[in-house]
């Protein structure tokens, strides 16, 4: 899991412009199921709010196939009340999730005990999945199977900086577990010129994002 703050890259701005020019990349259904998945765009950048819950009558493999071309998701996602033991449905190769307005939630998934996907996000050699949010928007993982975090490694927050000349600011939360508590707040350093855009790698029980 990584948390970072920095200005938007040109490719991200291009994606947003492309969305305006290509509405075919919008997923217009909030519920993911065997009917609506047929309309999921095959674009590299998809716009929509994805809700995955008990009404999602699909297997993880089917979702992974549907999402295979998606490298960026702009919107929101809510994974709630499922009986799945894993969330390995997204590509772990440079996948970016932008939750500027609708947040990221994985809540009350009682069988969710496989943290492989989260650990892959946590890889220090790969920026596998970025979750970007502004201001008070939330990225939350809570009330899942308690075995989801069982490494026994205490929370460790440290800061690293990108290449020389980069305006990138990062805070890395390497590994977390139940001892991390219920709430973590990340704030920009006092006097910072860095925009309040947050890149989150989530591997914690509850995670909230706030401005100064």
N, C-alpha and C. Protein backbone atom coordinates (compact mmCIF):
# COMPACT_ATOMS: atom_id res chain seq x y z
N UNK A 1 0.83 -1.18 0.00
CA UNK A 1 0.00 0.00 0.00
C UNK A 1 0.87 1.23 0.00
N UNK A 2 0.51 2.20 -0.81
CA UNK A 2 1.23 3.46 -0.84
C UNK A 2 0.25 4.59 -0.71
N UNK A 3 0.71 5.65 -0.13
CA UNK A 3 -0.04 6.88 -0.10
C UNK A 3 0.86 7.94 -0.66
N UNK A 4 0.38 8.70 -1.64
CA UNK A 4 1.25 9.72 -2.19
C UNK A 4 0.45 10.94 -2.55
N UNK A 5 1.11 12.03 -2.72
CA UNK A 5 0.47 13.27 -3.11
C UNK A 5 1.30 13.89 -4.21
N UNK A 6 0.64 14.35 -5.26
CA UNK A 6 1.41 14.99 -6.32
C UNK A 6 0.50 15.58 -7.38
N UNK A 7 1.06 16.35 -8.29
CA UNK A 7 0.29 16.92 -9.37
C UNK A 7 -0.10 15.86 -10.38
N UNK A 8 -1.14 16.13 -11.11
CA UNK A 8 -1.59 15.16 -12.09
C UNK A 8 -0.63 15.08 -13.27
N UNK A 9 -0.48 13.86 -13.79
CA UNK A 9 0.35 13.65 -14.96
C UNK A 9 -0.45 14.01 -16.21
N UNK A 10 0.25 14.34 -17.28
CA UNK A 10 -0.41 14.72 -18.52
C UNK A 10 -1.30 13.60 -19.03
N UNK A 11 -0.88 12.35 -18.87
CA UNK A 11 -1.68 11.22 -19.35
C UNK A 11 -3.03 11.18 -18.65
N UNK A 12 -3.07 11.59 -17.36
CA UNK A 12 -4.32 11.58 -16.63
C UNK A 12 -5.27 12.63 -17.18
N UNK A 13 -4.73 13.82 -17.51
CA UNK A 13 -5.55 14.87 -18.07
C UNK A 13 -6.07 14.47 -19.44
N UNK A 14 -5.23 13.79 -20.21
CA UNK A 14 -5.65 13.31 -21.52
C UNK A 14 -6.80 12.33 -21.39
N UNK A 15 -6.73 11.46 -20.37
CA UNK A 15 -7.81 10.51 -20.14
C UNK A 15 -9.13 11.23 -19.92
N UNK A 16 -9.12 12.31 -19.15
CA UNK A 16 -10.35 13.02 -18.85
C UNK A 16 -10.90 13.70 -20.10
N UNK A 17 -10.01 14.26 -20.92
CA UNK A 17 -10.45 14.87 -22.17
C UNK A 17 -11.03 13.81 -23.09
N UNK A 18 -10.38 12.64 -23.11
CA UNK A 18 -10.85 11.55 -23.96
C UNK A 18 -12.25 11.12 -23.56
N UNK A 19 -12.53 11.17 -22.24
CA UNK A 19 -13.85 10.77 -21.76
C UNK A 19 -14.93 11.67 -22.34
N UNK A 20 -14.67 12.96 -22.37
CA UNK A 20 -15.64 13.89 -22.92
C UNK A 20 -15.87 13.59 -24.40
N UNK A 21 -14.82 13.21 -25.10
CA UNK A 21 -14.90 12.95 -26.53
C UNK A 21 -15.44 11.56 -26.84
N UNK A 22 -15.38 10.64 -25.86
CA UNK A 22 -15.76 9.26 -26.11
C UNK A 22 -16.64 8.72 -24.99
N UNK A 23 -17.93 9.04 -25.01
CA UNK A 23 -18.83 8.58 -23.95
C UNK A 23 -19.01 7.06 -23.93
N UNK A 24 -18.52 6.37 -24.96
CA UNK A 24 -18.62 4.91 -24.97
C UNK A 24 -17.79 4.28 -23.85
N UNK A 25 -16.94 5.08 -23.24
CA UNK A 25 -16.10 4.56 -22.15
C UNK A 25 -16.78 4.73 -20.79
N UNK A 26 -18.06 5.09 -20.78
CA UNK A 26 -18.80 5.26 -19.53
C UNK A 26 -19.63 4.02 -19.24
N UNK A 27 -19.53 3.53 -18.01
CA UNK A 27 -20.38 2.43 -17.55
C UNK A 27 -21.56 3.04 -16.82
N UNK A 28 -22.75 2.92 -17.39
CA UNK A 28 -23.93 3.64 -16.90
C UNK A 28 -24.78 2.84 -15.92
N UNK A 29 -24.27 1.74 -15.43
CA UNK A 29 -25.02 0.92 -14.48
C UNK A 29 -24.23 0.86 -13.17
N UNK A 30 -24.89 1.12 -12.05
CA UNK A 30 -24.16 1.09 -10.78
C UNK A 30 -24.04 -0.32 -10.23
N UNK A 31 -24.98 -1.19 -10.57
CA UNK A 31 -24.93 -2.57 -10.09
C UNK A 31 -24.19 -3.45 -11.09
N UNK A 32 -23.19 -4.19 -10.61
CA UNK A 32 -22.49 -5.15 -11.47
C UNK A 32 -23.16 -6.50 -11.32
N UNK A 33 -23.70 -7.03 -12.42
CA UNK A 33 -24.27 -8.38 -12.41
C UNK A 33 -24.15 -8.97 -13.81
N UNK A 34 -24.71 -10.15 -13.99
CA UNK A 34 -24.55 -10.85 -15.27
C UNK A 34 -25.24 -10.14 -16.43
N UNK A 35 -26.19 -9.27 -16.13
CA UNK A 35 -26.86 -8.50 -17.18
C UNK A 35 -26.08 -7.25 -17.54
N UNK A 36 -25.70 -6.48 -16.53
CA UNK A 36 -25.04 -5.20 -16.80
C UNK A 36 -23.59 -5.36 -17.24
N UNK A 37 -22.96 -6.47 -16.87
CA UNK A 37 -21.54 -6.65 -17.23
C UNK A 37 -21.35 -6.70 -18.75
N UNK A 38 -22.42 -7.05 -19.47
CA UNK A 38 -22.35 -7.09 -20.93
C UNK A 38 -22.08 -5.71 -21.53
N UNK A 39 -22.39 -4.68 -20.75
CA UNK A 39 -22.24 -3.31 -21.24
C UNK A 39 -20.99 -2.63 -20.68
N UNK A 40 -20.14 -3.41 -20.03
CA UNK A 40 -18.93 -2.80 -19.47
C UNK A 40 -17.98 -2.43 -20.60
N UNK A 41 -17.51 -1.18 -20.65
CA UNK A 41 -16.66 -0.73 -21.76
C UNK A 41 -15.34 -1.50 -21.81
N UNK A 42 -14.81 -1.63 -23.00
CA UNK A 42 -13.51 -2.28 -23.17
C UNK A 42 -12.39 -1.25 -23.30
N UNK A 43 -12.64 -0.05 -22.79
CA UNK A 43 -11.67 1.05 -22.88
C UNK A 43 -10.57 0.90 -21.84
N UNK A 44 -9.40 1.46 -22.09
CA UNK A 44 -8.35 1.46 -21.07
C UNK A 44 -8.67 2.38 -19.90
N UNK A 45 -9.48 3.43 -20.14
CA UNK A 45 -9.94 4.33 -19.07
C UNK A 45 -11.46 4.29 -19.05
N UNK A 46 -12.02 3.83 -17.95
CA UNK A 46 -13.47 3.67 -17.81
C UNK A 46 -13.99 4.64 -16.76
N UNK A 47 -15.21 5.16 -16.99
CA UNK A 47 -15.84 6.09 -16.07
C UNK A 47 -17.14 5.47 -15.55
N UNK A 48 -17.30 5.45 -14.23
CA UNK A 48 -18.52 4.90 -13.66
C UNK A 48 -18.38 4.62 -12.18
N UNK A 49 -19.50 4.23 -11.57
CA UNK A 49 -19.54 3.83 -10.17
C UNK A 49 -19.89 2.35 -10.15
N UNK A 50 -18.99 1.54 -9.62
CA UNK A 50 -19.18 0.09 -9.63
C UNK A 50 -19.63 -0.37 -8.25
N UNK A 51 -20.75 -1.06 -8.21
CA UNK A 51 -21.26 -1.62 -6.96
C UNK A 51 -21.26 -3.14 -7.10
N UNK A 52 -20.50 -3.79 -6.24
CA UNK A 52 -20.39 -5.24 -6.22
C UNK A 52 -20.89 -5.71 -4.86
N UNK A 53 -21.96 -6.53 -4.86
CA UNK A 53 -22.55 -6.97 -3.60
C UNK A 53 -23.20 -8.34 -3.77
N UNK A 54 -24.11 -8.69 -2.88
CA UNK A 54 -24.75 -10.00 -2.95
C UNK A 54 -25.52 -10.22 -4.24
N UNK A 55 -25.94 -9.13 -4.87
CA UNK A 55 -26.69 -9.25 -6.12
C UNK A 55 -25.78 -9.46 -7.33
N UNK A 56 -24.49 -9.46 -7.12
CA UNK A 56 -23.53 -9.69 -8.20
C UNK A 56 -23.39 -11.19 -8.42
N UNK A 57 -24.06 -11.69 -9.43
CA UNK A 57 -24.10 -13.13 -9.70
C UNK A 57 -22.99 -13.53 -10.68
N UNK A 58 -21.77 -13.11 -10.37
CA UNK A 58 -20.62 -13.40 -11.21
C UNK A 58 -19.48 -13.92 -10.36
N UNK A 59 -18.59 -14.66 -10.99
CA UNK A 59 -17.40 -15.15 -10.31
C UNK A 59 -16.27 -14.14 -10.46
N UNK A 60 -15.28 -14.23 -9.58
CA UNK A 60 -14.13 -13.34 -9.66
C UNK A 60 -13.47 -13.42 -11.04
N UNK A 61 -13.35 -14.63 -11.59
CA UNK A 61 -12.73 -14.80 -12.90
C UNK A 61 -13.50 -14.10 -14.00
N UNK A 62 -14.83 -14.09 -13.90
CA UNK A 62 -15.65 -13.41 -14.89
C UNK A 62 -15.46 -11.90 -14.82
N UNK A 63 -15.35 -11.38 -13.61
CA UNK A 63 -15.10 -9.95 -13.45
C UNK A 63 -13.72 -9.58 -13.97
N UNK A 64 -12.76 -10.43 -13.68
CA UNK A 64 -11.39 -10.14 -14.14
C UNK A 64 -11.34 -10.10 -15.66
N UNK A 65 -12.07 -10.99 -16.31
CA UNK A 65 -12.14 -10.98 -17.77
C UNK A 65 -12.79 -9.70 -18.28
N UNK A 66 -13.87 -9.28 -17.61
CA UNK A 66 -14.57 -8.07 -18.03
C UNK A 66 -13.72 -6.82 -17.83
N UNK A 67 -12.86 -6.84 -16.80
CA UNK A 67 -12.05 -5.67 -16.48
C UNK A 67 -10.66 -5.70 -17.12
N UNK A 68 -10.38 -6.70 -17.94
CA UNK A 68 -9.01 -6.96 -18.38
C UNK A 68 -8.39 -5.79 -19.15
N UNK A 69 -9.20 -5.03 -19.90
CA UNK A 69 -8.65 -3.92 -20.68
C UNK A 69 -8.57 -2.62 -19.89
N UNK A 70 -9.22 -2.60 -18.73
CA UNK A 70 -9.29 -1.37 -17.94
C UNK A 70 -8.00 -1.15 -17.15
N UNK A 71 -7.35 -0.04 -17.41
CA UNK A 71 -6.14 0.34 -16.68
C UNK A 71 -6.40 1.49 -15.72
N UNK A 72 -7.48 2.24 -15.96
CA UNK A 72 -7.84 3.35 -15.09
C UNK A 72 -9.36 3.39 -14.93
N UNK A 73 -9.81 3.61 -13.70
CA UNK A 73 -11.23 3.76 -13.43
C UNK A 73 -11.46 5.09 -12.75
N UNK A 74 -12.28 5.93 -13.36
CA UNK A 74 -12.63 7.23 -12.79
C UNK A 74 -14.05 7.12 -12.24
N UNK A 75 -14.23 7.36 -10.95
CA UNK A 75 -15.57 7.30 -10.38
C UNK A 75 -15.56 6.79 -8.97
N UNK A 76 -16.11 5.61 -8.75
CA UNK A 76 -16.16 5.06 -7.42
C UNK A 76 -16.39 3.56 -7.46
N UNK A 77 -16.13 2.91 -6.34
CA UNK A 77 -16.38 1.47 -6.25
C UNK A 77 -16.78 1.12 -4.83
N UNK A 78 -17.74 0.21 -4.73
CA UNK A 78 -18.21 -0.27 -3.44
C UNK A 78 -18.35 -1.78 -3.50
N UNK A 79 -17.53 -2.47 -2.71
CA UNK A 79 -17.58 -3.93 -2.62
C UNK A 79 -18.09 -4.26 -1.23
N UNK A 80 -19.32 -4.76 -1.15
CA UNK A 80 -19.99 -4.84 0.15
C UNK A 80 -20.84 -6.10 0.26
N UNK A 81 -20.76 -6.74 1.42
CA UNK A 81 -21.61 -7.90 1.75
C UNK A 81 -21.44 -9.07 0.78
N UNK A 82 -20.25 -9.23 0.22
CA UNK A 82 -20.03 -10.37 -0.66
C UNK A 82 -19.62 -11.58 0.17
N UNK A 83 -19.62 -12.73 -0.45
CA UNK A 83 -19.16 -13.97 0.19
C UNK A 83 -17.82 -14.41 -0.40
N UNK A 84 -17.16 -13.53 -1.10
CA UNK A 84 -15.88 -13.86 -1.72
C UNK A 84 -14.76 -13.89 -0.69
N UNK A 85 -13.76 -14.71 -0.96
CA UNK A 85 -12.60 -14.74 -0.07
C UNK A 85 -11.42 -13.96 -0.64
N UNK A 86 -11.58 -13.39 -1.83
CA UNK A 86 -10.50 -12.63 -2.46
C UNK A 86 -11.09 -11.51 -3.31
N UNK A 87 -10.27 -10.51 -3.60
CA UNK A 87 -10.68 -9.40 -4.46
C UNK A 87 -9.77 -9.28 -5.67
N UNK A 88 -9.23 -10.41 -6.11
CA UNK A 88 -8.28 -10.39 -7.24
C UNK A 88 -9.01 -10.27 -8.57
N UNK A 89 -9.69 -9.16 -8.75
CA UNK A 89 -10.48 -8.95 -9.97
C UNK A 89 -9.91 -7.86 -10.86
N UNK A 90 -9.00 -7.06 -10.31
CA UNK A 90 -8.42 -5.97 -11.08
C UNK A 90 -7.02 -6.32 -11.53
N UNK A 91 -6.62 -5.74 -12.64
CA UNK A 91 -5.25 -5.92 -13.10
C UNK A 91 -4.30 -5.32 -12.08
N UNK A 92 -3.18 -6.00 -11.83
CA UNK A 92 -2.19 -5.45 -10.91
C UNK A 92 -0.99 -4.91 -11.68
N UNK A 93 -1.22 -4.56 -12.93
CA UNK A 93 -0.15 -3.98 -13.74
C UNK A 93 -0.51 -2.54 -14.08
N UNK A 94 -0.04 -1.62 -13.25
CA UNK A 94 -0.24 -0.19 -13.48
C UNK A 94 -1.71 0.21 -13.53
N UNK A 95 -2.54 -0.45 -12.74
CA UNK A 95 -3.95 -0.07 -12.67
C UNK A 95 -4.10 1.12 -11.73
N UNK A 96 -4.88 2.11 -12.16
CA UNK A 96 -5.10 3.30 -11.34
C UNK A 96 -6.59 3.53 -11.16
N UNK A 97 -6.97 3.83 -9.93
CA UNK A 97 -8.36 4.07 -9.60
C UNK A 97 -8.50 5.48 -9.05
N UNK A 98 -9.34 6.30 -9.69
CA UNK A 98 -9.52 7.69 -9.30
C UNK A 98 -10.89 7.85 -8.64
N UNK A 99 -10.89 8.03 -7.32
CA UNK A 99 -12.16 8.11 -6.58
C UNK A 99 -12.39 9.53 -6.09
N UNK A 100 -12.19 10.51 -6.96
CA UNK A 100 -12.27 11.91 -6.56
C UNK A 100 -13.60 12.26 -5.91
N UNK A 101 -14.69 11.65 -6.36
CA UNK A 101 -16.00 12.07 -5.90
C UNK A 101 -16.77 10.99 -5.16
N UNK A 102 -16.48 9.73 -5.42
CA UNK A 102 -17.35 8.67 -4.90
C UNK A 102 -16.65 7.67 -3.99
N UNK A 103 -15.35 7.76 -3.85
CA UNK A 103 -14.65 6.94 -2.87
C UNK A 103 -14.46 5.49 -3.25
N UNK A 104 -13.71 4.79 -2.40
CA UNK A 104 -13.44 3.36 -2.54
C UNK A 104 -13.83 2.68 -1.24
N UNK A 105 -14.67 1.65 -1.31
CA UNK A 105 -15.15 0.97 -0.11
C UNK A 105 -15.08 -0.55 -0.29
N UNK A 106 -14.57 -1.23 0.69
CA UNK A 106 -14.67 -2.70 0.79
C UNK A 106 -15.14 -2.97 2.21
N UNK A 107 -16.43 -3.26 2.36
CA UNK A 107 -17.05 -3.28 3.68
C UNK A 107 -17.87 -4.55 3.88
N UNK A 108 -17.73 -5.14 5.06
CA UNK A 108 -18.57 -6.25 5.51
C UNK A 108 -18.53 -7.44 4.56
N UNK A 109 -17.33 -7.81 4.13
CA UNK A 109 -17.14 -9.01 3.32
C UNK A 109 -16.61 -10.10 4.24
N UNK A 110 -17.53 -10.88 4.80
CA UNK A 110 -17.21 -11.76 5.92
C UNK A 110 -16.25 -12.88 5.56
N UNK A 111 -16.16 -13.25 4.28
CA UNK A 111 -15.28 -14.35 3.87
C UNK A 111 -13.95 -13.84 3.30
N UNK A 112 -13.77 -12.55 3.26
CA UNK A 112 -12.60 -11.96 2.62
C UNK A 112 -11.36 -12.18 3.49
N UNK A 113 -10.62 -13.24 3.18
CA UNK A 113 -9.46 -13.61 3.99
C UNK A 113 -8.16 -13.66 3.19
N UNK A 114 -8.25 -13.53 1.87
CA UNK A 114 -7.06 -13.58 1.02
C UNK A 114 -6.62 -12.15 0.71
N UNK A 115 -5.50 -11.75 1.28
CA UNK A 115 -5.00 -10.39 1.07
C UNK A 115 -3.94 -10.33 -0.03
N UNK A 116 -3.86 -11.36 -0.86
CA UNK A 116 -2.84 -11.39 -1.91
C UNK A 116 -2.90 -10.14 -2.77
N UNK A 117 -4.09 -9.76 -3.19
CA UNK A 117 -4.25 -8.60 -4.04
C UNK A 117 -3.74 -7.34 -3.34
N UNK A 118 -4.05 -7.21 -2.06
CA UNK A 118 -3.61 -6.05 -1.31
C UNK A 118 -2.09 -6.04 -1.14
N UNK A 119 -1.53 -7.24 -0.95
CA UNK A 119 -0.07 -7.32 -0.81
C UNK A 119 0.62 -6.99 -2.13
N UNK A 120 -0.01 -7.36 -3.25
CA UNK A 120 0.55 -7.00 -4.54
C UNK A 120 0.55 -5.49 -4.72
N UNK A 121 -0.51 -4.84 -4.23
CA UNK A 121 -0.56 -3.39 -4.28
C UNK A 121 0.55 -2.80 -3.44
N UNK A 122 0.94 -3.53 -2.40
CA UNK A 122 1.92 -3.03 -1.45
C UNK A 122 3.36 -3.21 -1.92
N UNK A 123 3.54 -3.89 -3.05
CA UNK A 123 4.89 -4.17 -3.53
C UNK A 123 5.70 -2.88 -3.71
N UNK A 124 6.88 -2.87 -3.16
CA UNK A 124 7.72 -1.68 -3.27
C UNK A 124 8.35 -1.56 -4.65
N UNK A 125 8.23 -2.59 -5.45
CA UNK A 125 8.83 -2.56 -6.78
C UNK A 125 7.79 -2.29 -7.86
N UNK A 126 6.54 -2.12 -7.46
CA UNK A 126 5.49 -1.92 -8.45
C UNK A 126 4.42 -0.99 -7.91
N UNK A 127 4.09 0.03 -8.68
CA UNK A 127 2.98 0.89 -8.32
C UNK A 127 1.74 0.30 -8.98
N UNK A 128 1.27 -0.79 -8.40
CA UNK A 128 0.29 -1.62 -9.08
C UNK A 128 -1.07 -0.97 -9.17
N UNK A 129 -1.56 -0.46 -8.07
CA UNK A 129 -2.91 0.09 -8.09
C UNK A 129 -2.92 1.38 -7.29
N UNK A 130 -3.22 2.48 -7.95
CA UNK A 130 -3.29 3.78 -7.29
C UNK A 130 -4.74 4.16 -7.10
N UNK A 131 -5.08 4.63 -5.92
CA UNK A 131 -6.40 5.18 -5.67
C UNK A 131 -6.22 6.65 -5.36
N UNK A 132 -6.82 7.51 -6.15
CA UNK A 132 -6.61 8.94 -6.02
C UNK A 132 -7.90 9.61 -5.58
N UNK A 133 -7.81 10.44 -4.54
CA UNK A 133 -8.99 11.14 -4.05
C UNK A 133 -8.60 12.53 -3.59
N UNK A 134 -9.54 13.45 -3.59
CA UNK A 134 -9.29 14.81 -3.13
C UNK A 134 -10.07 15.08 -1.85
N UNK A 135 -9.54 15.99 -1.06
CA UNK A 135 -10.28 16.51 0.08
C UNK A 135 -10.79 15.44 1.02
N UNK A 136 -12.05 15.53 1.44
CA UNK A 136 -12.56 14.65 2.48
C UNK A 136 -13.04 13.29 1.97
N UNK A 137 -12.86 13.00 0.69
CA UNK A 137 -13.35 11.72 0.17
C UNK A 137 -12.67 10.56 0.87
N UNK A 138 -13.37 9.45 0.95
CA UNK A 138 -12.90 8.33 1.76
C UNK A 138 -12.47 7.14 0.92
N UNK A 139 -11.48 6.45 1.42
CA UNK A 139 -11.10 5.14 0.91
C UNK A 139 -11.09 4.23 2.13
N UNK A 140 -12.02 3.30 2.20
CA UNK A 140 -12.28 2.56 3.43
C UNK A 140 -12.26 1.06 3.19
N UNK A 141 -11.53 0.35 4.04
CA UNK A 141 -11.64 -1.11 4.11
C UNK A 141 -11.93 -1.44 5.56
N UNK A 142 -13.10 -2.00 5.84
CA UNK A 142 -13.47 -2.25 7.23
C UNK A 142 -14.49 -3.38 7.34
N UNK A 143 -14.57 -3.95 8.54
CA UNK A 143 -15.58 -4.95 8.88
C UNK A 143 -15.55 -6.16 7.96
N UNK A 144 -14.36 -6.54 7.52
CA UNK A 144 -14.22 -7.74 6.72
C UNK A 144 -13.77 -8.88 7.63
N UNK A 145 -13.41 -10.00 7.06
CA UNK A 145 -12.91 -11.12 7.84
C UNK A 145 -11.67 -10.69 8.62
N UNK A 146 -11.63 -10.89 9.95
CA UNK A 146 -10.46 -10.45 10.73
C UNK A 146 -9.16 -11.12 10.30
N UNK A 147 -9.25 -12.26 9.60
CA UNK A 147 -8.05 -12.95 9.14
C UNK A 147 -7.41 -12.26 7.94
N UNK A 148 -8.07 -11.22 7.44
CA UNK A 148 -7.54 -10.52 6.28
C UNK A 148 -6.17 -9.93 6.58
N UNK A 149 -5.97 -9.47 7.81
CA UNK A 149 -4.69 -8.90 8.22
C UNK A 149 -4.13 -9.74 9.36
N UNK A 150 -3.25 -10.65 9.05
CA UNK A 150 -2.74 -11.56 10.07
C UNK A 150 -1.23 -11.71 10.01
N UNK A 151 -0.55 -10.75 9.39
CA UNK A 151 0.90 -10.83 9.29
C UNK A 151 1.60 -10.52 10.60
N UNK A 152 0.92 -9.79 11.49
CA UNK A 152 1.52 -9.46 12.77
C UNK A 152 2.61 -8.42 12.68
N UNK A 153 2.70 -7.74 11.55
CA UNK A 153 3.72 -6.71 11.39
C UNK A 153 3.12 -5.37 11.80
N UNK A 154 3.75 -4.63 12.70
CA UNK A 154 3.17 -3.36 13.15
C UNK A 154 3.13 -2.33 12.03
N UNK A 155 2.27 -1.35 12.19
CA UNK A 155 2.17 -0.28 11.20
C UNK A 155 3.48 0.48 11.12
N UNK A 156 3.85 0.81 9.92
CA UNK A 156 5.07 1.58 9.72
C UNK A 156 4.81 2.61 8.63
N UNK A 157 4.88 3.86 8.99
CA UNK A 157 4.66 4.93 8.03
C UNK A 157 5.97 5.67 7.83
N UNK A 158 6.41 5.76 6.60
CA UNK A 158 7.64 6.49 6.29
C UNK A 158 7.42 7.29 5.02
N UNK A 159 8.33 8.17 4.71
CA UNK A 159 8.19 9.04 3.56
C UNK A 159 9.36 8.85 2.61
N UNK A 160 9.05 8.72 1.34
CA UNK A 160 10.09 8.68 0.32
C UNK A 160 9.72 9.67 -0.77
N UNK A 161 10.71 10.11 -1.51
CA UNK A 161 10.47 11.10 -2.55
C UNK A 161 10.84 10.54 -3.91
N UNK A 162 10.14 11.03 -4.92
CA UNK A 162 10.34 10.56 -6.28
C UNK A 162 11.66 11.03 -6.86
N UNK A 163 11.82 10.85 -8.19
CA UNK A 163 13.07 11.24 -8.85
C UNK A 163 13.40 12.71 -8.61
N UNK A 164 14.66 13.04 -8.71
CA UNK A 164 15.11 14.41 -8.50
C UNK A 164 14.35 15.36 -9.42
N UNK A 165 13.85 16.44 -8.85
CA UNK A 165 13.10 17.41 -9.63
C UNK A 165 11.61 17.14 -9.64
N UNK A 166 11.19 15.99 -9.15
CA UNK A 166 9.77 15.66 -9.14
C UNK A 166 9.07 16.38 -8.00
N UNK A 167 7.80 16.76 -8.22
CA UNK A 167 7.00 17.36 -7.17
C UNK A 167 6.24 16.29 -6.40
N UNK A 168 6.59 15.05 -6.63
CA UNK A 168 5.87 13.93 -6.03
C UNK A 168 6.19 13.79 -4.55
N UNK A 169 5.17 13.63 -3.75
CA UNK A 169 5.33 13.40 -2.31
C UNK A 169 4.65 12.09 -1.97
N UNK A 170 5.35 11.21 -1.27
CA UNK A 170 4.78 9.91 -0.96
C UNK A 170 4.92 9.59 0.51
N UNK A 171 3.91 8.96 1.03
CA UNK A 171 3.99 8.35 2.35
C UNK A 171 3.66 6.89 2.16
N UNK A 172 4.53 6.01 2.58
CA UNK A 172 4.31 4.59 2.37
C UNK A 172 3.84 3.93 3.66
N UNK A 173 2.69 3.29 3.58
CA UNK A 173 2.21 2.47 4.70
C UNK A 173 2.49 1.04 4.29
N UNK A 174 3.62 0.51 4.74
CA UNK A 174 4.12 -0.76 4.22
C UNK A 174 3.20 -1.94 4.51
N UNK A 175 2.78 -2.07 5.73
CA UNK A 175 1.93 -3.20 6.09
C UNK A 175 1.12 -2.81 7.31
N UNK A 176 -0.11 -3.21 7.38
CA UNK A 176 -0.93 -2.87 8.54
C UNK A 176 -1.67 -4.10 9.01
N UNK A 177 -2.19 -4.00 10.18
CA UNK A 177 -2.99 -5.08 10.74
C UNK A 177 -4.00 -4.53 11.71
N UNK A 178 -4.58 -5.41 12.51
CA UNK A 178 -5.63 -4.99 13.41
C UNK A 178 -5.14 -4.00 14.46
N UNK A 179 -3.84 -4.03 14.77
CA UNK A 179 -3.30 -3.13 15.77
C UNK A 179 -3.20 -1.69 15.29
N UNK A 180 -3.52 -1.46 14.02
CA UNK A 180 -3.39 -0.11 13.48
C UNK A 180 -4.52 0.79 13.92
N UNK A 181 -5.54 0.25 14.57
CA UNK A 181 -6.64 1.09 15.01
C UNK A 181 -7.67 1.30 13.92
N UNK A 182 -8.64 2.14 14.22
CA UNK A 182 -9.79 2.31 13.34
C UNK A 182 -9.69 3.51 12.41
N UNK A 183 -8.76 4.39 12.66
CA UNK A 183 -8.75 5.61 11.86
C UNK A 183 -7.32 6.11 11.64
N UNK A 184 -7.03 6.45 10.42
CA UNK A 184 -5.75 7.06 10.08
C UNK A 184 -6.04 8.29 9.24
N UNK A 185 -5.41 9.38 9.54
CA UNK A 185 -5.59 10.60 8.76
C UNK A 185 -4.27 11.00 8.12
N UNK A 186 -4.34 11.37 6.86
CA UNK A 186 -3.15 11.81 6.15
C UNK A 186 -3.35 13.27 5.77
N UNK A 187 -2.38 14.11 6.13
CA UNK A 187 -2.50 15.53 5.83
C UNK A 187 -1.23 16.01 5.13
N UNK A 188 -1.39 17.02 4.29
CA UNK A 188 -0.24 17.60 3.62
C UNK A 188 0.64 18.33 4.63
N UNK A 189 1.94 18.35 4.42
CA UNK A 189 2.83 19.09 5.32
C UNK A 189 2.48 20.57 5.35
N UNK A 190 2.67 21.20 6.49
CA UNK A 190 2.39 22.62 6.63
C UNK A 190 3.22 23.42 5.64
N UNK A 191 2.56 24.33 4.93
CA UNK A 191 3.26 25.18 3.98
C UNK A 191 3.56 24.50 2.65
N UNK A 192 3.03 23.31 2.44
CA UNK A 192 3.32 22.58 1.21
C UNK A 192 2.63 23.23 0.02
N UNK A 193 3.31 23.20 -1.12
CA UNK A 193 2.73 23.68 -2.37
C UNK A 193 2.06 22.57 -3.16
N UNK A 194 2.03 21.38 -2.60
CA UNK A 194 1.53 20.21 -3.32
C UNK A 194 0.01 20.23 -3.34
N UNK A 195 -0.62 20.02 -4.50
CA UNK A 195 -2.09 19.98 -4.56
C UNK A 195 -2.63 18.84 -3.71
N UNK A 196 -3.87 19.01 -3.26
CA UNK A 196 -4.46 17.98 -2.39
C UNK A 196 -5.07 16.86 -3.22
N UNK A 197 -4.22 16.16 -3.95
CA UNK A 197 -4.61 14.96 -4.68
C UNK A 197 -3.88 13.80 -4.03
N UNK A 198 -4.59 12.82 -3.59
CA UNK A 198 -4.00 11.75 -2.81
C UNK A 198 -3.97 10.45 -3.61
N UNK A 199 -2.81 9.80 -3.62
CA UNK A 199 -2.68 8.47 -4.20
C UNK A 199 -2.62 7.50 -3.05
N UNK A 200 -3.55 6.57 -3.02
CA UNK A 200 -3.65 5.69 -1.86
C UNK A 200 -3.42 4.24 -2.25
N UNK A 201 -2.64 3.57 -1.50
CA UNK A 201 -2.63 2.12 -1.55
C UNK A 201 -3.24 1.68 -0.24
N UNK A 202 -4.29 0.90 -0.28
CA UNK A 202 -5.08 0.63 0.90
C UNK A 202 -4.77 -0.76 1.44
N UNK A 203 -4.30 -0.82 2.64
CA UNK A 203 -4.12 -2.10 3.32
C UNK A 203 -4.31 -1.86 4.81
N UNK A 204 -5.49 -1.40 5.17
CA UNK A 204 -5.76 -1.06 6.56
C UNK A 204 -7.22 -1.30 6.86
N UNK A 205 -7.56 -1.38 8.14
CA UNK A 205 -8.94 -1.70 8.51
C UNK A 205 -9.88 -0.56 8.16
N UNK A 206 -9.51 0.66 8.47
CA UNK A 206 -10.30 1.83 8.10
C UNK A 206 -9.34 2.93 7.67
N UNK A 207 -9.65 3.60 6.59
CA UNK A 207 -8.75 4.64 6.11
C UNK A 207 -9.57 5.84 5.67
N UNK A 208 -9.30 7.00 6.27
CA UNK A 208 -9.98 8.23 5.89
C UNK A 208 -8.95 9.23 5.37
N UNK A 209 -9.37 10.06 4.42
CA UNK A 209 -8.47 11.06 3.86
C UNK A 209 -9.04 12.44 4.18
N UNK A 210 -8.23 13.33 4.71
CA UNK A 210 -8.71 14.67 5.03
C UNK A 210 -7.70 15.70 4.58
N UNK A 211 -8.17 16.92 4.35
CA UNK A 211 -7.29 18.04 4.07
C UNK A 211 -6.80 18.65 5.37
N UNK A 212 -5.88 19.60 5.27
CA UNK A 212 -5.44 20.36 6.44
C UNK A 212 -6.59 21.20 6.96
